[in-house]
Amino acid sequence: MHNQQKPSAAASGCPIDHSPSSAPSTSGCPIDHTALNPLNQMPTLSQSPTSASQSIALPTSRTESSIPREPGAKWEYPSPQQFYNALVRKGWETPEEHVETMVDIHNFLNEQAWGEVLKWEKRVSSDGDEEPHLARFKGRPGEMSPKARFWLFAGWLLPTRFNTEPPFDRHDWVVRRPKTGEEVRYVIDYYSAPPEPDGSPVFSLDVRPALDSFGSVKERIAVATEEAWATFRESSPAGSSPLRS
């Protein structure tokens, strides 16, 4: 699919349990993206240990993302210490020695998601002078999107053909187009995929504009048509033309 890919993270395994038995309230990103500081639109997270059970010191440095939040400024990812505090606050069983790997995976997936957003944005704007910005975002791990529900139903009907596991997380990202000021909501479903032979985790991202406007509906239809046509051509016998009998 145009808006889906399966990035591999360079790690020995994902320490987050994404199995179907995990409760929805504990299966998404631990960072509460609704609690934003209005001064900088960043999650307010402590850099000091908040749990008496923490036995090792964790880095407090934050990594700058490639994702613009306004002209001249980019979003920053939480430090391992902030990430750990968020895990503890949610009551997750947290192996401290894996926190830095978890942060790397979290950051990697967000970078991949932004790359997919840019692919969509390039379809509607050829002006490379003004890059779109991620204005705000919200984690919605307990809410399945209509598309995710559809594919889950398809997996129930045809389990050998479609995925039978729901996404382990969902984000809604609101992207602002600086030239027009228009804001477009994107829905991102995060899926776990079968791991690599060496045990490295693999994830699948389904990124697409929400069906909030005529323009988004048109782009979704156009992409679906292009993908269906490409699949049809690939399945046609070699050397034959699909337009001739």
Protein backbone atom coordinates (compact mmCIF):
# COMPACT_ATOMS: atom_id res chain seq x y z
CA MET A 1 0.00 0.00 0.00
CA HIS A 2 1.16 3.52 -0.73
CA ASN A 3 0.56 4.64 2.82
CA GLN A 4 1.89 1.59 4.62
CA GLN A 5 5.34 0.24 5.25
CA LYS A 6 7.05 -2.20 7.56
CA PRO A 7 10.16 -0.61 9.06
CA SER A 8 12.57 -2.82 10.95
CA ALA A 9 14.08 -1.42 14.14
CA ALA A 10 17.68 -2.32 14.85
CA ALA A 11 17.06 -3.95 18.21
CA SER A 12 17.04 -7.45 19.61
CA GLY A 13 13.35 -7.26 20.35
CA CYS A 14 10.62 -4.87 21.37
CA PRO A 15 10.23 -4.80 25.16
CA ILE A 16 6.64 -3.58 24.87
CA ASP A 17 4.05 -6.35 24.90
CA HIS A 18 1.92 -5.88 21.78
CA SER A 19 0.13 -9.22 22.07
CA PRO A 20 -3.65 -9.30 21.61
CA SER A 21 -4.08 -10.18 25.28
CA SER A 22 -2.70 -6.81 26.36
CA ALA A 23 -5.33 -4.41 27.63
CA PRO A 24 -6.05 -1.54 25.19
CA SER A 25 -5.34 1.06 27.85
CA THR A 26 -1.78 -0.22 28.20
CA SER A 27 -0.96 -1.04 24.60
CA GLY A 28 -0.10 2.30 23.09
CA CYS A 29 2.51 5.00 23.39
CA PRO A 30 3.11 5.74 27.09
CA ILE A 31 3.50 9.48 26.48
CA ASP A 32 0.28 11.37 27.22
CA HIS A 33 0.05 13.57 24.13
CA THR A 34 -3.01 15.38 25.47
CA ALA A 35 -1.07 17.00 28.34
CA LEU A 36 0.75 19.72 26.42
CA ASN A 37 2.45 22.81 27.76
CA PRO A 38 0.63 25.72 26.03
CA LEU A 39 3.89 27.70 25.87
CA ASN A 40 5.70 25.25 23.62
CA GLN A 41 3.09 22.61 22.74
CA MET A 42 5.31 19.91 24.26
CA PRO A 43 4.32 17.21 26.75
CA THR A 44 5.21 18.27 30.29
CA LEU A 45 7.37 15.44 31.60
CA SER A 46 9.68 15.41 34.59
CA GLN A 47 13.40 14.88 34.03
CA SER A 48 13.86 13.67 37.60
CA PRO A 49 13.22 10.11 38.79
CA THR A 50 9.66 9.79 40.10
CA SER A 51 9.82 6.20 41.27
CA ALA A 52 11.68 5.01 44.37
CA SER A 53 12.21 1.67 42.65
CA GLN A 54 14.38 3.15 39.90
CA SER A 55 17.82 1.63 40.40
CA ILE A 56 19.84 2.99 37.46
CA ALA A 57 20.36 6.50 36.13
CA LEU A 58 18.76 7.16 32.77
CA PRO A 59 19.83 9.82 30.24
CA THR A 60 17.95 13.12 30.33
CA SER A 61 19.08 14.40 26.92
CA ARG A 62 16.35 14.80 24.31
CA THR A 63 16.67 14.10 20.60
CA GLU A 64 15.40 16.65 18.11
CA SER A 65 13.12 15.14 15.50
CA SER A 66 12.96 16.00 11.81
CA ILE A 67 9.33 17.08 12.28
CA PRO A 68 8.68 20.86 12.16
CA ARG A 69 6.20 22.23 14.68
CA GLU A 70 6.53 25.85 13.52
CA PRO A 71 8.91 27.88 11.34
CA GLY A 72 12.43 27.40 12.64
CA ALA A 73 11.49 24.89 15.36
CA LYS A 74 11.13 21.13 15.46
CA TRP A 75 9.55 18.71 17.88
CA GLU A 76 11.78 17.03 20.45
CA TYR A 77 11.41 13.46 21.61
CA PRO A 78 11.23 12.62 25.34
CA SER A 79 14.42 11.62 27.07
CA PRO A 80 14.78 8.05 28.39
CA GLN A 81 14.15 9.37 31.91
CA GLN A 82 10.95 11.11 30.83
CA PHE A 83 9.86 8.02 28.94
CA TYR A 84 10.48 5.86 32.01
CA ASN A 85 8.50 8.24 34.21
CA ALA A 86 5.59 8.02 31.76
CA LEU A 87 5.71 4.22 31.84
CA VAL A 88 5.72 4.16 35.65
CA ARG A 89 2.82 6.64 35.79
CA LYS A 90 0.75 4.32 33.61
CA GLY A 91 1.57 1.34 35.78
CA TRP A 92 3.48 -0.55 33.12
CA GLU A 93 6.02 -3.17 34.12
CA THR A 94 9.17 -1.33 33.11
CA PRO A 95 12.57 -3.00 32.63
CA GLU A 96 14.90 -0.05 33.06
CA GLU A 97 17.66 -1.59 30.97
CA HIS A 98 15.34 -1.60 27.93
CA VAL A 99 14.09 1.99 28.20
CA GLU A 100 16.66 3.47 25.84
CA THR A 101 15.78 0.85 23.21
CA MET A 102 12.10 1.65 23.69
CA VAL A 103 12.79 5.34 23.12
CA ASP A 104 14.74 4.51 19.95
CA ILE A 105 11.80 2.48 18.63
CA HIS A 106 9.31 5.21 19.59
CA ASN A 107 11.38 7.85 17.78
CA PHE A 108 11.98 5.62 14.76
CA LEU A 109 8.27 4.96 14.27
CA ASN A 110 7.42 8.66 14.49
CA GLU A 111 10.07 9.52 11.90
CA GLN A 112 8.68 6.84 9.57
CA ALA A 113 5.15 8.14 10.12
CA TRP A 114 6.22 11.70 9.23
CA GLY A 115 7.87 10.38 6.07
CA GLU A 116 4.55 8.84 5.04
CA VAL A 117 2.72 12.10 5.81
CA LEU A 118 5.13 13.96 3.52
CA LYS A 119 4.39 11.52 0.68
CA TRP A 120 0.71 12.44 0.94
CA GLU A 121 1.48 16.14 1.20
CA LYS A 122 3.63 16.08 -1.94
CA ARG A 123 0.61 14.87 -3.89
CA VAL A 124 -1.27 18.09 -3.19
CA SER A 125 1.59 20.59 -3.25
CA SER A 126 4.62 20.79 -5.50
CA ASP A 127 5.94 23.86 -3.67
CA GLY A 128 9.03 22.66 -1.84
CA ASP A 129 9.69 26.03 -0.20
CA GLU A 130 7.16 25.65 2.57
CA GLU A 131 7.28 22.33 4.37
CA PRO A 132 4.14 21.36 6.27
CA HIS A 133 4.24 21.46 10.07
CA LEU A 134 2.90 19.07 12.66
CA ALA A 135 0.71 21.51 14.57
CA ARG A 136 -0.54 19.13 17.26
CA PHE A 137 -1.17 15.46 17.88
CA LYS A 138 -3.10 13.08 20.08
CA GLY A 139 -2.56 9.48 21.12
CA ARG A 140 -5.74 7.38 20.93
CA PRO A 141 -4.61 3.81 21.73
CA GLY A 142 -8.01 2.68 22.99
CA GLU A 143 -9.93 3.87 19.91
CA MET A 144 -9.85 1.88 16.69
CA SER A 145 -10.26 3.83 13.47
CA PRO A 146 -13.05 2.78 11.05
CA LYS A 147 -10.43 1.44 8.64
CA ALA A 148 -8.78 -0.64 11.36
CA ARG A 149 -12.18 -2.06 12.29
CA PHE A 150 -12.83 -2.94 8.64
CA TRP A 151 -9.54 -4.82 8.27
CA LEU A 152 -10.08 -6.59 11.58
CA PHE A 153 -13.49 -7.73 10.32
CA ALA A 154 -11.88 -8.86 7.07
CA GLY A 155 -9.35 -10.83 9.11
CA TRP A 156 -12.18 -12.48 11.02
CA LEU A 157 -13.84 -13.51 7.76
CA LEU A 158 -10.64 -14.54 5.95
CA PRO A 159 -7.93 -15.11 8.57
CA THR A 160 -5.52 -16.69 6.08
CA ARG A 161 -5.57 -13.59 3.88
CA PHE A 162 -5.89 -10.60 6.20
CA ASN A 163 -4.36 -9.54 9.49
CA THR A 164 -6.25 -10.80 12.52
CA GLU A 165 -4.65 -8.52 15.12
CA PRO A 166 -5.78 -4.95 15.83
CA PRO A 167 -3.31 -2.05 15.80
CA PHE A 168 -1.45 -1.66 19.10
CA ASP A 169 -1.61 2.13 18.93
CA ARG A 170 -3.25 5.00 17.11
CA HIS A 171 -2.26 8.63 16.72
CA ASP A 172 -4.11 11.54 15.15
CA TRP A 173 -1.77 14.19 13.76
CA VAL A 174 -2.96 17.63 12.63
CA VAL A 175 -0.71 18.96 9.88
CA ARG A 176 -0.69 22.65 8.97
CA ARG A 177 0.11 23.80 5.44
CA PRO A 178 1.90 27.16 5.96
CA LYS A 179 1.11 28.57 2.51
CA THR A 180 -2.67 28.36 2.98
CA GLY A 181 -2.99 27.88 6.72
CA GLU A 182 -5.11 24.80 6.04
CA GLU A 183 -5.02 22.06 8.67
CA VAL A 184 -5.36 18.41 7.71
CA ARG A 185 -5.88 15.58 10.19
CA TYR A 186 -3.96 12.35 9.58
CA VAL A 187 -4.77 9.00 11.17
CA ILE A 188 -1.90 6.63 11.95
CA ASP A 189 -2.49 3.01 12.90
CA TYR A 190 0.51 1.14 14.30
CA TYR A 191 0.65 -2.63 13.79
CA SER A 192 3.09 -5.27 14.94
CA ALA A 193 4.32 -7.55 12.15
CA PRO A 194 6.15 -10.91 12.28
CA PRO A 195 9.72 -10.34 13.51
CA GLU A 196 12.81 -10.76 11.40
CA PRO A 197 14.64 -14.13 11.55
CA ASP A 198 17.12 -12.61 14.00
CA GLY A 199 14.28 -11.53 16.30
CA SER A 200 14.35 -7.84 15.39
CA PRO A 201 10.87 -6.30 15.71
CA VAL A 202 8.99 -5.21 12.61
CA PHE A 203 6.15 -2.71 12.55
CA SER A 204 3.61 -1.71 9.93
CA LEU A 205 2.28 1.84 9.73
CA ASP A 206 -0.97 2.76 8.03
CA VAL A 207 -0.84 6.52 7.50
CA ARG A 208 -3.57 8.43 5.65
CA PRO A 209 -5.51 11.70 5.78
CA ALA A 210 -8.77 11.46 7.70
CA LEU A 211 -11.95 11.71 5.66
CA ASP A 212 -12.68 15.19 6.99
CA SER A 213 -12.76 17.12 3.72
CA PHE A 214 -13.49 16.69 0.04
CA GLY A 215 -9.78 17.06 -0.76
CA SER A 216 -8.80 14.25 1.60
CA VAL A 217 -11.55 11.99 0.26
CA LYS A 218 -10.38 12.67 -3.30
CA GLU A 219 -6.76 11.83 -2.44
CA ARG A 220 -7.74 8.64 -0.63
CA ILE A 221 -9.77 7.49 -3.64
CA ALA A 222 -6.96 8.42 -6.05
CA VAL A 223 -4.36 6.47 -4.07
CA ALA A 224 -6.65 3.44 -3.68
CA THR A 225 -7.29 3.46 -7.44
CA GLU A 226 -3.57 3.71 -8.24
CA GLU A 227 -2.76 0.84 -5.90
CA ALA A 228 -5.54 -1.35 -7.29
CA TRP A 229 -4.37 -0.66 -10.84
CA ALA A 230 -0.75 -1.43 -9.92
CA THR A 231 -1.80 -4.71 -8.29
CA PHE A 232 -3.87 -5.63 -11.37
CA ARG A 233 -0.95 -4.97 -13.69
CA GLU A 234 1.42 -7.03 -11.54
CA SER A 235 -0.98 -9.97 -11.55
CA SER A 236 -1.48 -9.88 -15.33
CA PRO A 237 0.44 -12.53 -17.35
CA ALA A 238 3.86 -11.36 -18.53
CA GLY A 239 3.77 -9.72 -21.91
CA SER A 240 -0.01 -9.38 -22.03
CA SER A 241 -1.92 -6.14 -22.06
CA PRO A 242 -4.80 -5.83 -19.57
CA LEU A 243 -6.68 -3.74 -22.17
CA ARG A 244 -6.72 -6.48 -24.80
CA SER A 245 -8.52 -9.79 -24.87
